[in-house]
Amino acid sequence: MHEMIASDPGIMMGKPVVRGTRITVESIVERMGAGETIETILEAHPRLTREAVLAAISFAAEALKADVVYPISTGVA
């Protein structure tokens, strides 16, 4: 599934994109996090497929499995 995702320093500064587009994994995940559905993303980007959106989400999930701590600010000092 991740073969649908590509990263090239010459495209979108090397951010992972859906292969053959300039649509970043980041933008897909951000839109879904904002409450958009796969269908609304597909309507906004007719070149995308449902499989490509799912590949982007899967890629993002795998990237977050890395042994890195992502501190989240709680606003408490």
C-alpha atoms as a PDB file:
ATOM      1  CA  MET A   1       0.000   0.000   0.000  1.00  0.00           C
ATOM      2  CA  HIS A   2       2.883   2.360   0.741  1.00  0.00           C
ATOM      3  CA  GLU A   3       4.022   2.077  -2.870  1.00  0.00           C
ATOM      4  CA  MET A   4       1.373   4.744  -3.486  1.00  0.00           C
ATOM      5  CA  ILE A   5       3.420   7.174  -1.367  1.00  0.00           C
ATOM      6  CA  ALA A   6       6.594   8.816  -2.665  1.00  0.00           C
ATOM      7  CA  SER A   7       9.174  11.225  -1.318  1.00  0.00           C
ATOM      8  CA  ASP A   8      11.372  13.238  -3.673  1.00  0.00           C
ATOM      9  CA  PRO A   9      13.453  16.248  -2.594  1.00  0.00           C
ATOM     10  CA  GLY A  10      12.321  18.017  -5.777  1.00  0.00           C
ATOM     11  CA  ILE A  11       8.618  17.685  -4.961  1.00  0.00           C
ATOM     12  CA  MET A  12       7.066  19.511  -2.009  1.00  0.00           C
ATOM     13  CA  MET A  13      10.495  19.806  -0.338  1.00  0.00           C
ATOM     14  CA  GLY A  14      10.690  16.028   0.020  1.00  0.00           C
ATOM     15  CA  LYS A  15       7.518  15.619   2.069  1.00  0.00           C
ATOM     16  CA  PRO A  16       5.744  12.315   1.426  1.00  0.00           C
ATOM     17  CA  VAL A  17       3.095  12.730  -1.281  1.00  0.00           C
ATOM     18  CA  VAL A  18       0.619  10.524  -3.067  1.00  0.00           C
ATOM     19  CA  ARG A  19       2.654   9.235  -6.004  1.00  0.00           C
ATOM     20  CA  GLY A  20       2.017  11.209  -9.185  1.00  0.00           C
ATOM     21  CA  THR A  21       0.569  14.205  -7.316  1.00  0.00           C
ATOM     22  CA  ARG A  22       1.723  17.084  -5.151  1.00  0.00           C
ATOM     23  CA  ILE A  23      -0.811  16.168  -2.459  1.00  0.00           C
ATOM     24  CA  THR A  24       1.053  15.570   0.783  1.00  0.00           C
ATOM     25  CA  VAL A  25       0.332  12.904   3.352  1.00  0.00           C
ATOM     26  CA  GLU A  26       0.415  15.744   5.860  1.00  0.00           C
ATOM     27  CA  SER A  27      -2.424  17.613   4.140  1.00  0.00           C
ATOM     28  CA  ILE A  28      -4.590  14.494   3.940  1.00  0.00           C
ATOM     29  CA  VAL A  29      -4.104  13.686   7.629  1.00  0.00           C
ATOM     30  CA  GLU A  30      -4.638  17.325   8.582  1.00  0.00           C
ATOM     31  CA  ARG A  31      -7.920  17.479   6.670  1.00  0.00           C
ATOM     32  CA  MET A  32      -9.146  14.243   8.220  1.00  0.00           C
ATOM     33  CA  GLY A  33      -8.169  15.564  11.652  1.00  0.00           C
ATOM     34  CA  ALA A  34     -10.262  18.643  10.956  1.00  0.00           C
ATOM     35  CA  GLY A  35     -13.291  16.406  10.428  1.00  0.00           C
ATOM     36  CA  GLU A  36     -13.345  16.022   6.655  1.00  0.00           C
ATOM     37  CA  THR A  37     -14.368  12.666   5.275  1.00  0.00           C
ATOM     38  CA  ILE A  38     -12.582  10.662   2.633  1.00  0.00           C
ATOM     39  CA  GLU A  39     -15.400  11.566   0.276  1.00  0.00           C
ATOM     40  CA  THR A  40     -14.909  15.331   0.722  1.00  0.00           C
ATOM     41  CA  ILE A  41     -11.163  14.944   0.162  1.00  0.00           C
ATOM     42  CA  LEU A  42     -11.852  12.967  -3.019  1.00  0.00           C
ATOM     43  CA  GLU A  43     -14.258  15.659  -4.217  1.00  0.00           C
ATOM     44  CA  ALA A  44     -11.612  18.347  -3.645  1.00  0.00           C
ATOM     45  CA  HIS A  45      -8.886  16.282  -5.346  1.00  0.00           C
ATOM     46  CA  PRO A  46     -10.379  14.269  -8.233  1.00  0.00           C
ATOM     47  CA  ARG A  47      -6.978  12.700  -9.040  1.00  0.00           C
ATOM     48  CA  LEU A  48      -6.959  10.925  -5.668  1.00  0.00           C
ATOM     49  CA  THR A  49      -8.506   7.542  -5.056  1.00  0.00           C
ATOM     50  CA  ARG A  50      -9.907   6.105  -1.865  1.00  0.00           C
ATOM     51  CA  GLU A  51      -6.966   3.679  -1.827  1.00  0.00           C
ATOM     52  CA  ALA A  52      -4.504   6.583  -2.032  1.00  0.00           C
ATOM     53  CA  VAL A  53      -6.107   8.343   0.944  1.00  0.00           C
ATOM     54  CA  LEU A  54      -6.006   5.114   2.955  1.00  0.00           C
ATOM     55  CA  ALA A  55      -2.358   4.621   1.953  1.00  0.00           C
ATOM     56  CA  ALA A  56      -1.553   8.120   3.216  1.00  0.00           C
ATOM     57  CA  ILE A  57      -3.227   7.411   6.553  1.00  0.00           C
ATOM     58  CA  SER A  58      -1.441   4.074   6.843  1.00  0.00           C
ATOM     59  CA  PHE A  59       1.903   5.703   5.991  1.00  0.00           C
ATOM     60  CA  ALA A  60       1.364   8.373   8.658  1.00  0.00           C
ATOM     61  CA  ALA A  61       0.506   5.722  11.261  1.00  0.00           C
ATOM     62  CA  GLU A  62       3.680   3.782  10.438  1.00  0.00           C
ATOM     63  CA  ALA A  63       5.769   6.958  10.655  1.00  0.00           C
ATOM     64  CA  LEU A  64       4.427   7.637  14.143  1.00  0.00           C
ATOM     65  CA  LYS A  65       5.511   4.191  15.315  1.00  0.00           C
ATOM     66  CA  ALA A  66       9.143   5.338  15.263  1.00  0.00           C
ATOM     67  CA  ASP A  67      10.944   5.400  18.597  1.00  0.00           C
ATOM     68  CA  VAL A  68      10.524   9.139  18.967  1.00  0.00           C
ATOM     69  CA  VAL A  69       8.732  10.988  21.742  1.00  0.00           C
ATOM     70  CA  TYR A  70       6.368  13.701  20.552  1.00  0.00           C
ATOM     71  CA  PRO A  71       5.772  15.966  23.534  1.00  0.00           C
ATOM     72  CA  ILE A  72       2.411  17.665  23.568  1.00  0.00           C
ATOM     73  CA  SER A  73       2.166  20.968  25.363  1.00  0.00           C
ATOM     74  CA  THR A  74      -0.496  20.881  28.046  1.00  0.00           C
ATOM     75  CA  GLY A  75      -0.213  24.563  28.836  1.00  0.00           C
ATOM     76  CA  VAL A  76       0.811  23.701  32.400  1.00  0.00           C
ATOM     77  CA  ALA A  77       4.130  25.172  33.448  1.00  0.00           C
END
